[in-house]
mmCIF file of all heavy atoms, coordinates in Angstrom:
data_MODEL
# 
_entry.id   MODEL 
# 
loop_
_atom_site.group_PDB 
_atom_site.id 
_atom_site.type_symbol 
_atom_site.label_atom_id 
_atom_site.label_alt_id 
_atom_site.label_comp_id 
_atom_site.label_asym_id 
_atom_site.label_entity_id 
_atom_site.label_seq_id 
_atom_site.pdbx_PDB_ins_code 
_atom_site.Cartn_x 
_atom_site.Cartn_y 
_atom_site.Cartn_z 
_atom_site.occupancy 
_atom_site.B_iso_or_equiv 
_atom_site.pdbx_formal_charge 
_atom_site.auth_seq_id 
_atom_site.auth_comp_id 
_atom_site.auth_asym_id 
_atom_site.auth_atom_id 
_atom_site.pdbx_PDB_model_num 
ATOM 1   N N   . THR A 1 1  ? 87.949  -100.048 15.757 1.00 0.00 ? 1  THR A N   1 
ATOM 2   C CA  . THR A 1 1  ? 86.484  -100.172 15.738 1.00 0.00 ? 1  THR A CA  1 
ATOM 3   C C   . THR A 1 1  ? 85.820  -99.183  14.780 1.00 0.00 ? 1  THR A C   1 
ATOM 4   O O   . THR A 1 1  ? 84.698  -99.410  14.336 1.00 0.00 ? 1  THR A O   1 
ATOM 5   C CB  . THR A 1 1  ? 85.900  -99.946  17.144 1.00 0.00 ? 1  THR A CB  1 
ATOM 6   O OG1 . THR A 1 1  ? 86.141  -98.579  17.537 1.00 0.00 ? 1  THR A OG1 1 
ATOM 7   C CG2 . THR A 1 1  ? 86.542  -100.879 18.165 1.00 0.00 ? 1  THR A CG2 1 
ATOM 8   N N   . GLY A 1 2  ? 86.501  -98.060  14.500 1.00 0.00 ? 2  GLY A N   1 
ATOM 9   C CA  . GLY A 1 2  ? 85.913  -97.036  13.648 1.00 0.00 ? 2  GLY A CA  1 
ATOM 10  C C   . GLY A 1 2  ? 84.899  -96.153  14.350 1.00 0.00 ? 2  GLY A C   1 
ATOM 11  O O   . GLY A 1 2  ? 84.356  -95.226  13.753 1.00 0.00 ? 2  GLY A O   1 
ATOM 12  N N   . GLU A 1 3  ? 84.647  -96.411  15.650 1.00 0.00 ? 3  GLU A N   1 
ATOM 13  C CA  . GLU A 1 3  ? 83.655  -95.610  16.375 1.00 0.00 ? 3  GLU A CA  1 
ATOM 14  C C   . GLU A 1 3  ? 84.240  -94.260  16.795 1.00 0.00 ? 3  GLU A C   1 
ATOM 15  O O   . GLU A 1 3  ? 85.450  -94.129  16.998 1.00 0.00 ? 3  GLU A O   1 
ATOM 16  C CB  . GLU A 1 3  ? 83.158  -96.366  17.612 1.00 0.00 ? 3  GLU A CB  1 
ATOM 17  C CG  . GLU A 1 3  ? 84.232  -96.576  18.665 1.00 0.00 ? 3  GLU A CG  1 
ATOM 18  C CD  . GLU A 1 3  ? 83.789  -97.422  19.851 1.00 0.00 ? 3  GLU A CD  1 
ATOM 19  O OE1 . GLU A 1 3  ? 82.747  -98.089  19.754 1.00 0.00 ? 3  GLU A OE1 1 
ATOM 20  O OE2 . GLU A 1 3  ? 84.501  -97.415  20.872 1.00 0.00 ? 3  GLU A OE2 1 
ATOM 21  N N   . LYS A 1 4  ? 83.351  -93.251  16.900 1.00 0.00 ? 4  LYS A N   1 
ATOM 22  C CA  . LYS A 1 4  ? 83.819  -91.940  17.339 1.00 0.00 ? 4  LYS A CA  1 
ATOM 23  C C   . LYS A 1 4  ? 84.188  -92.019  18.814 1.00 0.00 ? 4  LYS A C   1 
ATOM 24  O O   . LYS A 1 4  ? 83.419  -92.519  19.633 1.00 0.00 ? 4  LYS A O   1 
ATOM 25  C CB  . LYS A 1 4  ? 82.731  -90.883  17.123 1.00 0.00 ? 4  LYS A CB  1 
ATOM 26  C CG  . LYS A 1 4  ? 83.224  -89.464  17.395 1.00 0.00 ? 4  LYS A CG  1 
ATOM 27  C CD  . LYS A 1 4  ? 82.111  -88.437  17.239 1.00 0.00 ? 4  LYS A CD  1 
ATOM 28  C CE  . LYS A 1 4  ? 81.812  -88.159  15.792 1.00 0.00 ? 4  LYS A CE  1 
ATOM 29  N NZ  . LYS A 1 4  ? 80.851  -87.030  15.627 1.00 0.00 ? 4  LYS A NZ  1 
ATOM 30  N N   . MET A 1 5  ? 85.367  -91.531  19.154 1.00 0.00 ? 5  MET A N   1 
ATOM 31  C CA  . MET A 1 5  ? 85.869  -91.645  20.528 1.00 0.00 ? 5  MET A CA  1 
ATOM 32  C C   . MET A 1 5  ? 85.309  -90.531  21.402 1.00 0.00 ? 5  MET A C   1 
ATOM 33  O O   . MET A 1 5  ? 84.951  -89.450  20.914 1.00 0.00 ? 5  MET A O   1 
ATOM 34  C CB  . MET A 1 5  ? 87.403  -91.589  20.526 1.00 0.00 ? 5  MET A CB  1 
ATOM 35  C CG  . MET A 1 5  ? 88.045  -92.758  19.799 1.00 0.00 ? 5  MET A CG  1 
ATOM 36  S SD  . MET A 1 5  ? 89.862  -92.766  19.900 1.00 0.00 ? 5  MET A SD  1 
ATOM 37  C CE  . MET A 1 5  ? 90.284  -91.472  18.742 1.00 0.00 ? 5  MET A CE  1 
ATOM 38  N N   . LEU A 1 6  ? 85.245  -90.805  22.712 1.00 0.00 ? 6  LEU A N   1 
ATOM 39  C CA  . LEU A 1 6  ? 84.824  -89.786  23.677 1.00 0.00 ? 6  LEU A CA  1 
ATOM 40  C C   . LEU A 1 6  ? 85.735  -88.578  23.561 1.00 0.00 ? 6  LEU A C   1 
ATOM 41  O O   . LEU A 1 6  ? 86.959  -88.727  23.448 1.00 0.00 ? 6  LEU A O   1 
ATOM 42  C CB  . LEU A 1 6  ? 84.892  -90.346  25.101 1.00 0.00 ? 6  LEU A CB  1 
ATOM 43  C CG  . LEU A 1 6  ? 83.906  -91.464  25.451 1.00 0.00 ? 6  LEU A CG  1 
ATOM 44  C CD1 . LEU A 1 6  ? 84.328  -92.139  26.754 1.00 0.00 ? 6  LEU A CD1 1 
ATOM 45  C CD2 . LEU A 1 6  ? 82.501  -90.910  25.582 1.00 0.00 ? 6  LEU A CD2 1 
ATOM 46  N N   . LEU A 1 7  ? 85.157  -87.388  23.625 1.00 0.00 ? 7  LEU A N   1 
ATOM 47  C CA  . LEU A 1 7  ? 85.928  -86.165  23.397 1.00 0.00 ? 7  LEU A CA  1 
ATOM 48  C C   . LEU A 1 7  ? 87.146  -86.062  24.311 1.00 0.00 ? 7  LEU A C   1 
ATOM 49  O O   . LEU A 1 7  ? 88.267  -85.847  23.855 1.00 0.00 ? 7  LEU A O   1 
ATOM 50  C CB  . LEU A 1 7  ? 85.024  -84.939  23.577 1.00 0.00 ? 7  LEU A CB  1 
ATOM 51  C CG  . LEU A 1 7  ? 85.671  -83.596  23.247 1.00 0.00 ? 7  LEU A CG  1 
ATOM 52  C CD1 . LEU A 1 7  ? 85.861  -83.461  21.741 1.00 0.00 ? 7  LEU A CD1 1 
ATOM 53  C CD2 . LEU A 1 7  ? 84.822  -82.436  23.766 1.00 0.00 ? 7  LEU A CD2 1 
ATOM 54  N N   . ILE A 1 8  ? 86.936  -86.230  25.638 1.00 0.00 ? 8  ILE A N   1 
ATOM 55  C CA  . ILE A 1 8  ? 88.062  -86.047  26.565 1.00 0.00 ? 8  ILE A CA  1 
ATOM 56  C C   . ILE A 1 8  ? 88.999  -87.248  26.584 1.00 0.00 ? 8  ILE A C   1 
ATOM 57  O O   . ILE A 1 8  ? 90.062  -87.195  27.185 1.00 0.00 ? 8  ILE A O   1 
ATOM 58  C CB  . ILE A 1 8  ? 87.595  -85.709  28.000 1.00 0.00 ? 8  ILE A CB  1 
ATOM 59  C CG1 . ILE A 1 8  ? 86.807  -86.871  28.608 1.00 0.00 ? 8  ILE A CG1 1 
ATOM 60  C CG2 . ILE A 1 8  ? 86.808  -84.418  28.033 1.00 0.00 ? 8  ILE A CG2 1 
ATOM 61  C CD1 . ILE A 1 8  ? 86.529  -86.690  30.091 1.00 0.00 ? 8  ILE A CD1 1 
ATOM 62  N N   . GLY A 1 9  ? 88.616  -88.338  25.904 1.00 0.00 ? 9  GLY A N   1 
ATOM 63  C CA  . GLY A 1 9  ? 89.485  -89.507  25.837 1.00 0.00 ? 9  GLY A CA  1 
ATOM 64  C C   . GLY A 1 9  ? 90.420  -89.491  24.645 1.00 0.00 ? 9  GLY A C   1 
ATOM 65  O O   . GLY A 1 9  ? 91.327  -90.311  24.553 1.00 0.00 ? 9  GLY A O   1 
ATOM 66  N N   . ARG A 1 10 ? 90.199  -88.547  23.726 1.00 0.00 ? 10 ARG A N   1 
ATOM 67  C CA  . ARG A 1 10 ? 91.046  -88.471  22.534 1.00 0.00 ? 10 ARG A CA  1 
ATOM 68  C C   . ARG A 1 10 ? 92.443  -87.957  22.888 1.00 0.00 ? 10 ARG A C   1 
ATOM 69  O O   . ARG A 1 10 ? 92.597  -87.179  23.826 1.00 0.00 ? 10 ARG A O   1 
ATOM 70  C CB  . ARG A 1 10 ? 90.401  -87.547  21.482 1.00 0.00 ? 10 ARG A CB  1 
ATOM 71  C CG  . ARG A 1 10 ? 89.045  -88.019  21.015 1.00 0.00 ? 10 ARG A CG  1 
ATOM 72  C CD  . ARG A 1 10 ? 88.387  -86.982  20.110 1.00 0.00 ? 10 ARG A CD  1 
ATOM 73  N NE  . ARG A 1 10 ? 86.972  -87.284  19.934 1.00 0.00 ? 10 ARG A NE  1 
ATOM 74  C CZ  . ARG A 1 10 ? 86.097  -86.477  19.348 1.00 0.00 ? 10 ARG A CZ  1 
ATOM 75  N NH1 . ARG A 1 10 ? 86.513  -85.300  18.882 1.00 0.00 ? 10 ARG A NH1 1 
ATOM 76  N NH2 . ARG A 1 10 ? 84.830  -86.827  19.235 1.00 0.00 ? 10 ARG A NH2 1 
ATOM 77  N N   . MET A 1 11 ? 93.429  -88.351  22.094 1.00 0.00 ? 11 MET A N   1 
ATOM 78  C CA  . MET A 1 11 ? 94.799  -87.903  22.361 1.00 0.00 ? 11 MET A CA  1 
ATOM 79  C C   . MET A 1 11 ? 94.946  -86.395  22.194 1.00 0.00 ? 11 MET A C   1 
ATOM 80  O O   . MET A 1 11 ? 95.809  -85.776  22.800 1.00 0.00 ? 11 MET A O   1 
ATOM 81  C CB  . MET A 1 11 ? 95.788  -88.637  21.445 1.00 0.00 ? 11 MET A CB  1 
ATOM 82  C CG  . MET A 1 11 ? 95.935  -90.125  21.749 1.00 0.00 ? 11 MET A CG  1 
ATOM 83  S SD  . MET A 1 11 ? 96.236  -90.509  23.497 1.00 0.00 ? 11 MET A SD  1 
ATOM 84  C CE  . MET A 1 11 ? 97.900  -89.887  23.698 1.00 0.00 ? 11 MET A CE  1 
ATOM 85  N N   . SER A 1 12 ? 94.080  -85.771  21.400 1.00 0.00 ? 12 SER A N   1 
ATOM 86  C CA  . SER A 1 12 ? 94.127  -84.313  21.241 1.00 0.00 ? 12 SER A CA  1 
ATOM 87  C C   . SER A 1 12 ? 93.665  -83.592  22.506 1.00 0.00 ? 12 SER A C   1 
ATOM 88  O O   . SER A 1 12 ? 93.889  -82.388  22.657 1.00 0.00 ? 12 SER A O   1 
ATOM 89  C CB  . SER A 1 12 ? 93.275  -83.879  20.044 1.00 0.00 ? 12 SER A CB  1 
ATOM 90  O OG  . SER A 1 12 ? 92.005  -84.482  20.063 1.00 0.00 ? 12 SER A OG  1 
ATOM 91  N N   . ALA A 1 13 ? 93.025  -84.334  23.437 1.00 0.00 ? 13 ALA A N   1 
ATOM 92  C CA  . ALA A 1 13 ? 92.601  -83.729  24.706 1.00 0.00 ? 13 ALA A CA  1 
ATOM 93  C C   . ALA A 1 13 ? 93.651  -83.880  25.793 1.00 0.00 ? 13 ALA A C   1 
ATOM 94  O O   . ALA A 1 13 ? 93.496  -83.328  26.895 1.00 0.00 ? 13 ALA A O   1 
ATOM 95  C CB  . ALA A 1 13 ? 91.292  -84.370  25.179 1.00 0.00 ? 13 ALA A CB  1 
ATOM 96  N N   . GLN A 1 14 ? 94.731  -84.610  25.494 1.00 0.00 ? 14 GLN A N   1 
ATOM 97  C CA  . GLN A 1 14 ? 95.744  -84.889  26.521 1.00 0.00 ? 14 GLN A CA  1 
ATOM 98  C C   . GLN A 1 14 ? 96.365  -83.622  27.105 1.00 0.00 ? 14 GLN A C   1 
ATOM 99  O O   . GLN A 1 14 ? 96.489  -83.499  28.327 1.00 0.00 ? 14 GLN A O   1 
ATOM 100 C CB  . GLN A 1 14 ? 96.849  -85.771  25.925 1.00 0.00 ? 14 GLN A CB  1 
ATOM 101 C CG  . GLN A 1 14 ? 96.495  -87.224  25.805 1.00 0.00 ? 14 GLN A CG  1 
ATOM 102 C CD  . GLN A 1 14 ? 96.503  -87.935  27.129 1.00 0.00 ? 14 GLN A CD  1 
ATOM 103 O OE1 . GLN A 1 14 ? 97.526  -88.086  27.768 1.00 0.00 ? 14 GLN A OE1 1 
ATOM 104 N NE2 . GLN A 1 14 ? 95.347  -88.381  27.575 1.00 0.00 ? 14 GLN A NE2 1 
ATOM 105 N N   . VAL A 1 15 ? 96.764  -82.691  26.253 1.00 0.00 ? 15 VAL A N   1 
ATOM 106 C CA  . VAL A 1 15 ? 97.457  -81.498  26.756 1.00 0.00 ? 15 VAL A CA  1 
ATOM 107 C C   . VAL A 1 15 ? 96.525  -80.623  27.598 1.00 0.00 ? 15 VAL A C   1 
ATOM 108 O O   . VAL A 1 15 ? 96.841  -80.317  28.758 1.00 0.00 ? 15 VAL A O   1 
ATOM 109 C CB  . VAL A 1 15 ? 98.101  -80.693  25.607 1.00 0.00 ? 15 VAL A CB  1 
ATOM 110 C CG1 . VAL A 1 15 ? 98.633  -79.358  26.125 1.00 0.00 ? 15 VAL A CG1 1 
ATOM 111 C CG2 . VAL A 1 15 ? 99.234  -81.495  24.981 1.00 0.00 ? 15 VAL A CG2 1 
ATOM 112 N N   . PRO A 1 16 ? 95.349  -80.186  27.082 1.00 0.00 ? 16 PRO A N   1 
ATOM 113 C CA  . PRO A 1 16 ? 94.504  -79.315  27.912 1.00 0.00 ? 16 PRO A CA  1 
ATOM 114 C C   . PRO A 1 16 ? 93.996  -79.980  29.187 1.00 0.00 ? 16 PRO A C   1 
ATOM 115 O O   . PRO A 1 16 ? 93.932  -79.344  30.246 1.00 0.00 ? 16 PRO A O   1 
ATOM 116 C CB  . PRO A 1 16 ? 93.341  -78.934  26.988 1.00 0.00 ? 16 PRO A CB  1 
ATOM 117 C CG  . PRO A 1 16 ? 93.388  -79.889  25.858 1.00 0.00 ? 16 PRO A CG  1 
ATOM 118 C CD  . PRO A 1 16 ? 94.795  -80.328  25.714 1.00 0.00 ? 16 PRO A CD  1 
ATOM 119 N N   . MET A 1 17 ? 93.646  -81.273  29.114 1.00 0.00 ? 17 MET A N   1 
ATOM 120 C CA  . MET A 1 17 ? 93.132  -81.962  30.305 1.00 0.00 ? 17 MET A CA  1 
ATOM 121 C C   . MET A 1 17 ? 94.244  -82.204  31.318 1.00 0.00 ? 17 MET A C   1 
ATOM 122 O O   . MET A 1 17 ? 94.092  -81.930  32.507 1.00 0.00 ? 17 MET A O   1 
ATOM 123 C CB  . MET A 1 17 ? 92.484  -83.296  29.910 1.00 0.00 ? 17 MET A CB  1 
ATOM 124 C CG  . MET A 1 17 ? 91.184  -83.159  29.149 1.00 0.00 ? 17 MET A CG  1 
ATOM 125 S SD  . MET A 1 17 ? 89.874  -82.326  30.091 1.00 0.00 ? 17 MET A SD  1 
ATOM 126 C CE  . MET A 1 17 ? 89.615  -83.500  31.418 1.00 0.00 ? 17 MET A CE  1 
ATOM 127 N N   . ASN A 1 18 ? 95.383  -82.729  30.837 1.00 0.00 ? 18 ASN A N   1 
ATOM 128 C CA  . ASN A 1 18 ? 96.472  -83.054  31.764 1.00 0.00 ? 18 ASN A CA  1 
ATOM 129 C C   . ASN A 1 18 ? 97.132  -81.818  32.358 1.00 0.00 ? 18 ASN A C   1 
ATOM 130 O O   . ASN A 1 18 ? 97.595  -81.850  33.497 1.00 0.00 ? 18 ASN A O   1 
ATOM 131 C CB  . ASN A 1 18 ? 97.526  -83.919  31.070 1.00 0.00 ? 18 ASN A CB  1 
ATOM 132 C CG  . ASN A 1 18 ? 97.233  -85.400  31.202 1.00 0.00 ? 18 ASN A CG  1 
ATOM 133 O OD1 . ASN A 1 18 ? 96.693  -85.842  32.208 1.00 0.00 ? 18 ASN A OD1 1 
ATOM 134 N ND2 . ASN A 1 18 ? 97.565  -86.166  30.186 1.00 0.00 ? 18 ASN A ND2 1 
ATOM 135 N N   . MET A 1 19 ? 97.189  -80.720  31.587 1.00 0.00 ? 19 MET A N   1 
ATOM 136 C CA  . MET A 1 19 ? 97.821  -79.524  32.161 1.00 0.00 ? 19 MET A CA  1 
ATOM 137 C C   . MET A 1 19 ? 96.982  -78.982  33.317 1.00 0.00 ? 19 MET A C   1 
ATOM 138 O O   . MET A 1 19 ? 97.533  -78.507  34.314 1.00 0.00 ? 19 MET A O   1 
ATOM 139 C CB  . MET A 1 19 ? 98.032  -78.442  31.092 1.00 0.00 ? 19 MET A CB  1 
ATOM 140 C CG  . MET A 1 19 ? 96.788  -77.809  30.531 1.00 0.00 ? 19 MET A CG  1 
ATOM 141 S SD  . MET A 1 19 ? 97.135  -76.617  29.209 1.00 0.00 ? 19 MET A SD  1 
ATOM 142 C CE  . MET A 1 19 ? 97.678  -75.203  30.170 1.00 0.00 ? 19 MET A CE  1 
ATOM 143 N N   . THR A 1 20 ? 95.672  -79.103  33.205 1.00 0.00 ? 20 THR A N   1 
ATOM 144 C CA  . THR A 1 20 ? 94.788  -78.642  34.274 1.00 0.00 ? 20 THR A CA  1 
ATOM 145 C C   . THR A 1 20 ? 94.895  -79.552  35.496 1.00 0.00 ? 20 THR A C   1 
ATOM 146 O O   . THR A 1 20 ? 95.105  -79.097  36.627 1.00 0.00 ? 20 THR A O   1 
ATOM 147 C CB  . THR A 1 20 ? 93.334  -78.593  33.778 1.00 0.00 ? 20 THR A CB  1 
ATOM 148 O OG1 . THR A 1 20 ? 93.271  -77.776  32.610 1.00 0.00 ? 20 THR A OG1 1 
ATOM 149 C CG2 . THR A 1 20 ? 92.414  -78.028  34.851 1.00 0.00 ? 20 THR A CG2 1 
ATOM 150 N N   . ILE A 1 21 ? 94.744  -80.866  35.254 1.00 0.00 ? 21 ILE A N   1 
ATOM 151 C CA  . ILE A 1 21 ? 94.745  -81.827  36.364 1.00 0.00 ? 21 ILE A CA  1 
ATOM 152 C C   . ILE A 1 21 ? 96.118  -81.892  37.038 1.00 0.00 ? 21 ILE A C   1 
ATOM 153 O O   . ILE A 1 21 ? 96.233  -81.813  38.272 1.00 0.00 ? 21 ILE A O   1 
ATOM 154 C CB  . ILE A 1 21 ? 94.317  -83.221  35.869 1.00 0.00 ? 21 ILE A CB  1 
ATOM 155 C CG1 . ILE A 1 21 ? 92.865  -83.192  35.377 1.00 0.00 ? 21 ILE A CG1 1 
ATOM 156 C CG2 . ILE A 1 21 ? 94.475  -84.260  36.990 1.00 0.00 ? 21 ILE A CG2 1 
ATOM 157 C CD1 . ILE A 1 21 ? 92.435  -84.455  34.651 1.00 0.00 ? 21 ILE A CD1 1 
ATOM 158 N N   . THR A 1 22 ? 97.179  -82.030  36.228 1.00 0.00 ? 22 THR A N   1 
ATOM 159 C CA  . THR A 1 22 ? 98.528  -82.133  36.788 1.00 0.00 ? 22 THR A CA  1 
ATOM 160 C C   . THR A 1 22 ? 98.928  -80.848  37.495 1.00 0.00 ? 22 THR A C   1 
ATOM 161 O O   . THR A 1 22 ? 99.537  -80.883  38.576 1.00 0.00 ? 22 THR A O   1 
ATOM 162 C CB  . THR A 1 22 ? 99.548  -82.470  35.689 1.00 0.00 ? 22 THR A CB  1 
ATOM 163 O OG1 . THR A 1 22 ? 99.130  -83.650  35.006 1.00 0.00 ? 22 THR A OG1 1 
ATOM 164 C CG2 . THR A 1 22 ? 100.934 -82.676  36.275 1.00 0.00 ? 22 THR A CG2 1 
ATOM 165 N N   . GLY A 1 23 ? 98.585  -79.702  36.902 1.00 0.00 ? 23 GLY A N   1 
ATOM 166 C CA  . GLY A 1 23 ? 98.890  -78.420  37.544 1.00 0.00 ? 23 GLY A CA  1 
ATOM 167 C C   . GLY A 1 23 ? 98.257  -78.319  38.915 1.00 0.00 ? 23 GLY A C   1 
ATOM 168 O O   . GLY A 1 23 ? 98.887  -77.864  39.882 1.00 0.00 ? 23 GLY A O   1 
ATOM 169 N N   . CYS A 1 24 ? 97.021  -78.770  39.024 1.00 0.00 ? 24 CYS A N   1 
ATOM 170 C CA  . CYS A 1 24 ? 96.326  -78.731  40.321 1.00 0.00 ? 24 CYS A CA  1 
ATOM 171 C C   . CYS A 1 24 ? 96.886  -79.762  41.295 1.00 0.00 ? 24 CYS A C   1 
ATOM 172 O O   . CYS A 1 24 ? 96.989  -79.501  42.497 1.00 0.00 ? 24 CYS A O   1 
ATOM 173 C CB  . CYS A 1 24 ? 94.821  -78.945  40.118 1.00 0.00 ? 24 CYS A CB  1 
ATOM 174 S SG  . CYS A 1 24 ? 94.009  -77.557  39.323 1.00 0.00 ? 24 CYS A SG  1 
ATOM 175 N N   . MET A 1 25 ? 97.287  -80.925  40.782 1.00 0.00 ? 25 MET A N   1 
ATOM 176 C CA  . MET A 1 25 ? 97.900  -81.940  41.653 1.00 0.00 ? 25 MET A CA  1 
ATOM 177 C C   . MET A 1 25 ? 99.198  -81.414  42.262 1.00 0.00 ? 25 MET A C   1 
ATOM 178 O O   . MET A 1 25 ? 99.506  -81.676  43.434 1.00 0.00 ? 25 MET A O   1 
ATOM 179 C CB  . MET A 1 25 ? 98.193  -83.219  40.861 1.00 0.00 ? 25 MET A CB  1 
ATOM 180 C CG  . MET A 1 25 ? 96.978  -84.071  40.556 1.00 0.00 ? 25 MET A CG  1 
ATOM 181 S SD  . MET A 1 25 ? 97.354  -85.394  39.392 1.00 0.00 ? 25 MET A SD  1 
ATOM 182 C CE  . MET A 1 25 ? 98.504  -86.373  40.311 1.00 0.00 ? 25 MET A CE  1 
ATOM 183 N N   . LEU A 1 26 ? 99.969  -80.670  41.459 1.00 0.00 ? 26 LEU A N   1 
ATOM 184 C CA  . LEU A 1 26 ? 101.246 -80.144  41.941 1.00 0.00 ? 26 LEU A CA  1 
ATOM 185 C C   . LEU A 1 26 ? 101.071 -78.923  42.836 1.00 0.00 ? 26 LEU A C   1 
ATOM 186 O O   . LEU A 1 26 ? 101.945 -78.603  43.640 1.00 0.00 ? 26 LEU A O   1 
ATOM 187 C CB  . LEU A 1 26 ? 102.134 -79.772  40.742 1.00 0.00 ? 26 LEU A CB  1 
ATOM 188 C CG  . LEU A 1 26 ? 102.636 -80.938  39.883 1.00 0.00 ? 26 LEU A CG  1 
ATOM 189 C CD1 . LEU A 1 26 ? 103.368 -80.419  38.650 1.00 0.00 ? 26 LEU A CD1 1 
ATOM 190 C CD2 . LEU A 1 26 ? 103.538 -81.870  40.682 1.00 0.00 ? 26 LEU A CD2 1 
# 
């Protein structure tokens, strides 16, 4: 689409977001 993606939806946000969420889930 060429549209700017949501910040937390970008693949570059995967590590910081998932480490926080997964760490808390565990």
